[in-house]
Amino acid sequence: MRAKTAQDRQLLELIDPIAESLGLDVVRIRLMSGSKRQRLQIMAERPTDHDISVEQCAKLSRAVSEVFDASDPIAGEYLLEVSSPGIDRPLTRPIDFELFEGEEARLETDRMIEGRKRFKGVLAGFEDDNVLIDLDGEEDTALIPFDWISDAKLVLTDALMKRGAAIRAARGEPEDDGLPEGDVADTETDTTTPSEDNA
């Protein structure tokens, strides 16, 4: 789930070692088309505390730009955006379902499970390649194979917002810095490939 398309997966192979060299993990990447140009979104964090600073976002953005300028993996003009996963973050790796056990989440599967593909409930951990979730209105804990999940993210609740506020307070940051959670200022980079203008 860290990469959605075949091209995303190819880009992730280039980005992972760059992030690792800076002490970061890539949570998710998406190359999205736009009306004028494509947008490459990279969400990253430190593996130690699952956070990232504005400065680290900027470093990763510059490092990725340098590699991409040389290897030219994206045809045409694109915007590079590096950010934190945010409070209501996507869940893309097995460790995410363990870290956020007890939080509400929405899951979507790539196939029908008992007549549906969408599920909402409280995460109950990760076991034997299955996501454990206590679904709304059901008594038993459901086991959903991780490989069947196409999309998963936390639900923005009061408890989750308090958790985010506690993390910011521990870092000595103000309660409201004026930026939407997950957005990072001054980390966008325009990258053009003049020789390939047809994308």
Protein backbone atom coordinates (compact mmCIF):
# COMPACT_ATOMS: atom_id res chain seq x y z
CA MET A 1 0.00 0.00 0.00
CA ARG A 2 2.98 2.32 0.23
CA ALA A 3 2.84 2.44 -3.58
CA LYS A 4 -0.35 2.06 -5.60
CA THR A 5 0.63 1.74 -9.26
CA ALA A 6 3.52 0.09 -11.08
CA GLN A 7 5.11 3.51 -11.60
CA ASP A 8 4.68 4.34 -7.91
CA ARG A 9 6.53 1.12 -7.07
CA GLN A 10 9.39 2.01 -9.44
CA LEU A 11 9.67 5.47 -7.89
CA LEU A 12 9.58 3.98 -4.39
CA GLU A 13 12.61 1.82 -5.25
CA LEU A 14 14.51 5.05 -5.97
CA ILE A 15 13.13 7.00 -3.00
CA ASP A 16 13.52 4.37 -0.25
CA PRO A 17 17.35 4.39 -0.17
CA ILE A 18 17.40 8.21 -0.30
CA ALA A 19 15.07 8.41 2.70
CA GLU A 20 17.01 5.73 4.58
CA SER A 21 20.25 7.67 4.10
CA LEU A 22 18.56 10.57 5.92
CA GLY A 23 17.27 8.35 8.72
CA LEU A 24 13.68 8.36 7.43
CA ASP A 25 11.07 5.80 6.42
CA VAL A 26 8.72 6.36 3.50
CA VAL A 27 5.12 5.84 4.63
CA ARG A 28 3.51 6.31 1.22
CA ILE A 29 4.09 7.77 -2.23
CA ARG A 30 1.57 8.70 -4.89
CA LEU A 31 2.14 10.12 -8.37
CA MET A 32 -1.09 11.93 -9.19
CA SER A 33 -2.10 13.53 -12.46
CA GLY A 34 -3.36 17.11 -12.53
CA SER A 35 -4.83 19.53 -15.03
CA LYS A 36 -1.46 21.19 -15.72
CA ARG A 37 1.16 18.93 -14.16
CA GLN A 38 1.60 15.78 -12.15
CA ARG A 39 2.14 15.82 -8.40
CA LEU A 40 4.46 13.41 -6.60
CA GLN A 41 3.45 13.18 -2.95
CA ILE A 42 5.88 11.60 -0.49
CA MET A 43 4.90 10.99 3.14
CA ALA A 44 7.83 10.18 5.40
CA GLU A 45 8.71 9.91 9.08
CA ARG A 46 11.47 9.04 11.50
CA PRO A 47 11.29 5.35 12.50
CA THR A 48 12.13 6.20 16.11
CA ASP A 49 9.12 8.38 16.96
CA HIS A 50 7.05 8.35 13.73
CA ASP A 51 7.38 12.09 13.28
CA ILE A 52 9.26 14.40 10.92
CA SER A 53 10.40 18.02 11.04
CA VAL A 54 9.99 20.69 8.39
CA GLU A 55 13.77 20.69 7.97
CA GLN A 56 13.86 16.94 7.34
CA CYS A 57 11.06 17.27 4.77
CA ALA A 58 13.08 19.93 2.98
CA LYS A 59 16.23 17.75 3.05
CA LEU A 60 14.38 14.78 1.62
CA SER A 61 12.79 16.97 -1.05
CA ARG A 62 16.20 18.31 -2.14
CA ALA A 63 17.81 14.86 -2.12
CA VAL A 64 15.00 13.30 -4.18
CA SER A 65 15.12 16.21 -6.63
CA GLU A 66 18.85 15.72 -7.17
CA VAL A 67 18.46 12.00 -7.91
CA PHE A 68 15.42 12.53 -10.12
CA ASP A 69 17.15 15.32 -12.06
CA ALA A 70 19.85 12.80 -12.94
CA SER A 71 17.70 9.71 -13.56
CA ASP A 72 14.62 11.47 -15.00
CA PRO A 73 12.06 8.81 -13.93
CA ILE A 74 9.00 11.03 -14.49
CA ALA A 75 8.19 12.34 -17.97
CA GLY A 76 7.05 15.95 -18.17
CA GLU A 77 6.61 18.58 -15.49
CA TYR A 78 5.72 17.63 -11.94
CA LEU A 79 5.44 19.07 -8.45
CA LEU A 80 7.28 17.32 -5.62
CA GLU A 81 5.57 17.48 -2.23
CA VAL A 82 7.11 15.99 0.92
CA SER A 83 5.10 15.93 4.14
CA SER A 84 4.39 14.10 7.37
CA PRO A 85 1.61 11.50 7.31
CA GLY A 86 -0.56 13.76 9.52
CA ILE A 87 -2.84 12.83 12.40
CA ASP A 88 -5.43 10.87 10.38
CA ARG A 89 -2.60 9.14 8.59
CA PRO A 90 -2.70 6.36 6.04
CA LEU A 91 -1.85 2.90 7.37
CA THR A 92 0.42 1.25 4.84
CA ARG A 93 2.67 -1.18 6.72
CA PRO A 94 2.07 -3.98 9.23
CA ILE A 95 3.78 -1.92 11.95
CA ASP A 96 1.20 0.85 11.52
CA PHE A 97 -1.60 -1.45 12.68
CA GLU A 98 0.38 -2.33 15.79
CA LEU A 99 1.40 1.25 16.60
CA PHE A 100 -2.14 2.54 16.38
CA GLU A 101 -3.90 -0.32 18.13
CA GLY A 102 -6.91 1.09 19.98
CA GLU A 103 -7.54 3.85 17.41
CA GLU A 104 -10.45 3.97 14.98
CA ALA A 105 -9.68 3.22 11.35
CA ARG A 106 -11.33 2.75 7.97
CA LEU A 107 -10.17 -0.11 5.75
CA GLU A 108 -10.97 -0.94 2.14
CA THR A 109 -10.21 -4.29 0.54
CA ASP A 110 -9.55 -5.22 -3.08
CA ARG A 111 -12.14 -8.02 -2.91
CA MET A 112 -15.46 -8.72 -1.26
CA ILE A 113 -15.41 -10.08 2.30
CA GLU A 114 -18.81 -11.28 3.49
CA GLY A 115 -20.53 -9.01 0.99
CA ARG A 116 -18.54 -5.81 1.48
CA LYS A 117 -15.25 -4.08 0.84
CA ARG A 118 -15.36 -1.24 3.38
CA PHE A 119 -14.85 -1.67 7.11
CA LYS A 120 -14.73 0.70 10.09
CA GLY A 121 -13.78 -0.10 13.65
CA VAL A 122 -11.12 -0.03 16.36
CA LEU A 123 -7.74 -1.52 15.50
CA ALA A 124 -6.87 -4.56 17.62
CA GLY A 125 -3.34 -5.23 16.35
CA PHE A 126 -1.63 -7.32 13.71
CA GLU A 127 -1.18 -11.09 13.79
CA ASP A 128 -0.10 -13.75 11.26
CA ASP A 129 -0.28 -11.33 8.31
CA ASN A 130 -3.80 -10.27 9.35
CA VAL A 131 -5.10 -6.90 10.51
CA LEU A 132 -7.25 -7.33 13.62
CA ILE A 133 -10.15 -4.91 13.91
CA ASP A 134 -13.16 -4.68 16.21
CA LEU A 135 -15.82 -3.68 13.70
CA ASP A 136 -18.65 -1.31 14.58
CA GLY A 137 -21.73 -3.26 15.65
CA GLU A 138 -20.03 -6.66 15.79
CA GLU A 139 -18.92 -8.63 18.83
CA ASP A 140 -16.08 -10.70 17.38
CA THR A 141 -12.73 -9.29 16.28
CA ALA A 142 -12.39 -9.54 12.50
CA LEU A 143 -9.19 -10.76 10.83
CA ILE A 144 -8.54 -9.14 7.45
CA PRO A 145 -5.54 -10.33 5.42
CA PHE A 146 -3.07 -7.48 5.03
CA ASP A 147 -2.50 -8.38 1.36
CA TRP A 148 -6.21 -7.87 0.66
CA ILE A 149 -6.24 -4.27 1.94
CA SER A 150 -6.13 -1.63 -0.78
CA ASP A 151 -6.53 1.43 1.45
CA ALA A 152 -6.47 2.12 5.18
CA LYS A 153 -6.35 5.24 7.31
CA LEU A 154 -7.06 6.45 10.81
CA VAL A 155 -10.36 8.16 11.55
CA LEU A 156 -9.99 11.69 12.91
CA THR A 157 -11.46 11.48 16.41
CA ASP A 158 -11.19 13.64 19.53
CA ALA A 159 -8.89 11.03 21.08
CA LEU A 160 -6.62 11.08 18.04
CA MET A 161 -6.54 14.89 18.03
CA LYS A 162 -5.58 14.87 21.73
CA ARG A 163 -2.82 12.37 20.94
CA GLY A 164 -1.52 14.70 18.21
CA ALA A 165 -1.68 17.69 20.58
CA ALA A 166 0.28 15.74 23.20
CA ILE A 167 2.97 14.90 20.66
CA ARG A 168 3.24 18.56 19.59
CA ALA A 169 3.39 19.67 23.23
CA ALA A 170 6.19 17.17 23.91
CA ARG A 171 8.11 18.77 21.03
CA GLY A 172 7.47 22.22 22.50
CA GLU A 173 5.33 23.32 19.57
CA PRO A 174 2.29 25.61 19.87
CA GLU A 175 -1.12 23.93 19.92
CA ASP A 176 -2.13 25.49 16.60
CA ASP A 177 0.62 26.55 14.19
CA GLY A 178 -1.83 27.60 11.47
CA LEU A 179 -0.97 24.69 9.20
CA PRO A 180 -3.34 21.81 8.55
CA GLU A 181 -2.01 18.65 10.20
CA GLY A 182 0.23 16.74 7.84
CA ASP A 183 1.04 19.74 5.65
CA VAL A 184 4.56 21.09 5.61
CA ALA A 185 5.45 24.55 4.46
CA ASP A 186 8.20 25.34 1.96
CA THR A 187 8.96 21.79 0.84
CA GLU A 188 7.47 21.81 -2.64
CA THR A 189 9.82 21.66 -5.58
CA ASP A 190 9.05 22.25 -9.24
CA THR A 191 10.92 19.86 -11.45
CA THR A 192 10.69 20.04 -15.21
CA THR A 193 12.12 17.90 -17.95
CA PRO A 194 12.23 20.18 -21.01
CA SER A 195 13.21 17.36 -23.36
CA GLU A 196 10.05 15.39 -22.52
CA ASP A 197 7.10 17.73 -22.64
CA ASN A 198 4.42 15.35 -23.83
CA ALA A 199 3.25 13.90 -20.50
